[in-house]
Amino acid sequence: MTARDYDMAPVTDRLDLDKVIFGLCGDLQQLRDGKISVNDAIARSLLAKQIFNGVRIYLTATKLLVSVAKEVQHGDASGENQK
């Protein structure tokens, strides 16, 4: 398999995964400090679970599209195809 093209940004940056992870760490600390209830912590963790499920689906779809993608040949000004 060829290396992925990250011209735009790595997946973690595009999906702000670091913010999600830091947020979960903050939620855990708030729970330990008694600043949020157990029910609040559970609700936040369930939302995070859904976010990571979406990330899994996104990455699986990206991998599938890359595996079935075909190279496109671009024609030059004379109409001949080149690689």
C-alpha atoms as a PDB file:
ATOM      1  CA  MET A   1       0.000   0.000   0.000  1.00  0.00           C
ATOM      2  CA  THR A   2       1.272   3.439  -0.829  1.00  0.00           C
ATOM      3  CA  ALA A   3       1.895   6.126   1.755  1.00  0.00           C
ATOM      4  CA  ARG A   4      -1.046   8.388   2.470  1.00  0.00           C
ATOM      5  CA  ASP A   5      -1.063  11.906   1.124  1.00  0.00           C
ATOM      6  CA  TYR A   6      -1.387  14.422   3.948  1.00  0.00           C
ATOM      7  CA  ASP A   7      -1.165  17.591   1.866  1.00  0.00           C
ATOM      8  CA  MET A   8      -4.054  19.223   3.692  1.00  0.00           C
ATOM      9  CA  ALA A   9      -3.465  18.096   7.288  1.00  0.00           C
ATOM     10  CA  PRO A  10      -3.066  14.888   9.262  1.00  0.00           C
ATOM     11  CA  VAL A  11      -6.343  13.204  10.173  1.00  0.00           C
ATOM     12  CA  THR A  12      -5.841  13.977  13.860  1.00  0.00           C
ATOM     13  CA  ASP A  13      -5.647  17.703  13.064  1.00  0.00           C
ATOM     14  CA  ARG A  14      -8.627  17.714  10.725  1.00  0.00           C
ATOM     15  CA  LEU A  15     -10.801  15.929  13.289  1.00  0.00           C
ATOM     16  CA  ASP A  16      -9.403  17.730  16.359  1.00  0.00           C
ATOM     17  CA  LEU A  17      -8.800  14.428  18.127  1.00  0.00           C
ATOM     18  CA  ASP A  18      -6.342  16.007  20.531  1.00  0.00           C
ATOM     19  CA  LYS A  19      -9.107  18.313  21.798  1.00  0.00           C
ATOM     20  CA  VAL A  20     -11.429  15.344  22.320  1.00  0.00           C
ATOM     21  CA  ILE A  21      -8.777  13.438  24.272  1.00  0.00           C
ATOM     22  CA  PHE A  22      -7.820  16.455  26.387  1.00  0.00           C
ATOM     23  CA  GLY A  23     -11.518  17.052  27.042  1.00  0.00           C
ATOM     24  CA  LEU A  24     -11.959  13.483  28.255  1.00  0.00           C
ATOM     25  CA  CYS A  25      -8.988  13.877  30.568  1.00  0.00           C
ATOM     26  CA  GLY A  26     -10.546  17.079  31.896  1.00  0.00           C
ATOM     27  CA  ASP A  27     -13.868  15.309  32.418  1.00  0.00           C
ATOM     28  CA  LEU A  28     -12.159  12.576  34.414  1.00  0.00           C
ATOM     29  CA  GLN A  29     -10.407  15.132  36.589  1.00  0.00           C
ATOM     30  CA  GLN A  30     -13.667  17.038  37.116  1.00  0.00           C
ATOM     31  CA  LEU A  31     -15.336  13.791  38.181  1.00  0.00           C
ATOM     32  CA  ARG A  32     -12.519  13.021  40.619  1.00  0.00           C
ATOM     33  CA  ASP A  33     -12.700  16.553  42.004  1.00  0.00           C
ATOM     34  CA  GLY A  34     -16.460  16.249  42.495  1.00  0.00           C
ATOM     35  CA  LYS A  35     -17.195  19.080  40.025  1.00  0.00           C
ATOM     36  CA  ILE A  36     -19.440  16.922  37.834  1.00  0.00           C
ATOM     37  CA  SER A  37     -21.756  14.056  38.693  1.00  0.00           C
ATOM     38  CA  VAL A  38     -21.273  10.448  37.682  1.00  0.00           C
ATOM     39  CA  ASN A  39     -24.246  10.821  35.318  1.00  0.00           C
ATOM     40  CA  ASP A  40     -22.571  13.826  33.653  1.00  0.00           C
ATOM     41  CA  ALA A  41     -19.338  11.862  33.271  1.00  0.00           C
ATOM     42  CA  ILE A  42     -21.208   8.904  31.778  1.00  0.00           C
ATOM     43  CA  ALA A  43     -23.053  11.154  29.322  1.00  0.00           C
ATOM     44  CA  ARG A  44     -19.787  12.781  28.238  1.00  0.00           C
ATOM     45  CA  SER A  45     -18.076   9.414  27.833  1.00  0.00           C
ATOM     46  CA  LEU A  46     -20.948   8.111  25.708  1.00  0.00           C
ATOM     47  CA  LEU A  47     -20.677  11.158  23.453  1.00  0.00           C
ATOM     48  CA  ALA A  48     -16.931  10.602  23.158  1.00  0.00           C
ATOM     49  CA  LYS A  49     -17.572   6.964  22.288  1.00  0.00           C
ATOM     50  CA  GLN A  50     -19.806   8.067  19.415  1.00  0.00           C
ATOM     51  CA  ILE A  51     -17.161  10.537  18.213  1.00  0.00           C
ATOM     52  CA  PHE A  52     -14.528   7.795  18.155  1.00  0.00           C
ATOM     53  CA  ASN A  53     -16.962   5.465  16.399  1.00  0.00           C
ATOM     54  CA  GLY A  54     -17.348   8.160  13.731  1.00  0.00           C
ATOM     55  CA  VAL A  55     -13.558   8.442  13.474  1.00  0.00           C
ATOM     56  CA  ARG A  56     -13.314   4.667  13.023  1.00  0.00           C
ATOM     57  CA  ILE A  57     -15.905   4.784  10.230  1.00  0.00           C
ATOM     58  CA  TYR A  58     -14.115   7.746   8.603  1.00  0.00           C
ATOM     59  CA  LEU A  59     -10.744   5.968   8.653  1.00  0.00           C
ATOM     60  CA  THR A  60     -12.226   2.696   7.390  1.00  0.00           C
ATOM     61  CA  ALA A  61     -13.947   4.509   4.523  1.00  0.00           C
ATOM     62  CA  THR A  62     -10.767   6.404   3.655  1.00  0.00           C
ATOM     63  CA  LYS A  63      -8.770   3.168   3.623  1.00  0.00           C
ATOM     64  CA  LEU A  64     -11.383   1.527   1.394  1.00  0.00           C
ATOM     65  CA  LEU A  65     -11.423   4.434  -1.051  1.00  0.00           C
ATOM     66  CA  VAL A  66      -7.626   4.463  -1.253  1.00  0.00           C
ATOM     67  CA  SER A  67      -7.524   0.707  -1.855  1.00  0.00           C
ATOM     68  CA  VAL A  68      -9.986   0.825  -4.780  1.00  0.00           C
ATOM     69  CA  ALA A  69      -8.904   4.145  -6.299  1.00  0.00           C
ATOM     70  CA  LYS A  70      -7.387   3.997  -9.749  1.00  0.00           C
ATOM     71  CA  GLU A  71      -4.688   6.253 -11.077  1.00  0.00           C
ATOM     72  CA  VAL A  72      -5.979   8.998 -13.341  1.00  0.00           C
ATOM     73  CA  GLN A  73      -3.912   9.911 -16.359  1.00  0.00           C
ATOM     74  CA  HIS A  74      -3.873  13.566 -17.283  1.00  0.00           C
ATOM     75  CA  GLY A  75      -3.665  14.571 -20.915  1.00  0.00           C
ATOM     76  CA  ASP A  76      -1.156  17.222 -22.046  1.00  0.00           C
ATOM     77  CA  ALA A  77      -1.958  20.101 -24.409  1.00  0.00           C
ATOM     78  CA  SER A  78      -1.533  17.870 -27.489  1.00  0.00           C
ATOM     79  CA  GLY A  79      -4.164  15.451 -26.194  1.00  0.00           C
ATOM     80  CA  GLU A  80      -1.718  12.639 -25.469  1.00  0.00           C
ATOM     81  CA  ASN A  81      -1.942  10.918 -22.101  1.00  0.00           C
ATOM     82  CA  GLN A  82       0.987  10.999 -19.738  1.00  0.00           C
ATOM     83  CA  LYS A  83       1.646   9.615 -16.282  1.00  0.00           C
END
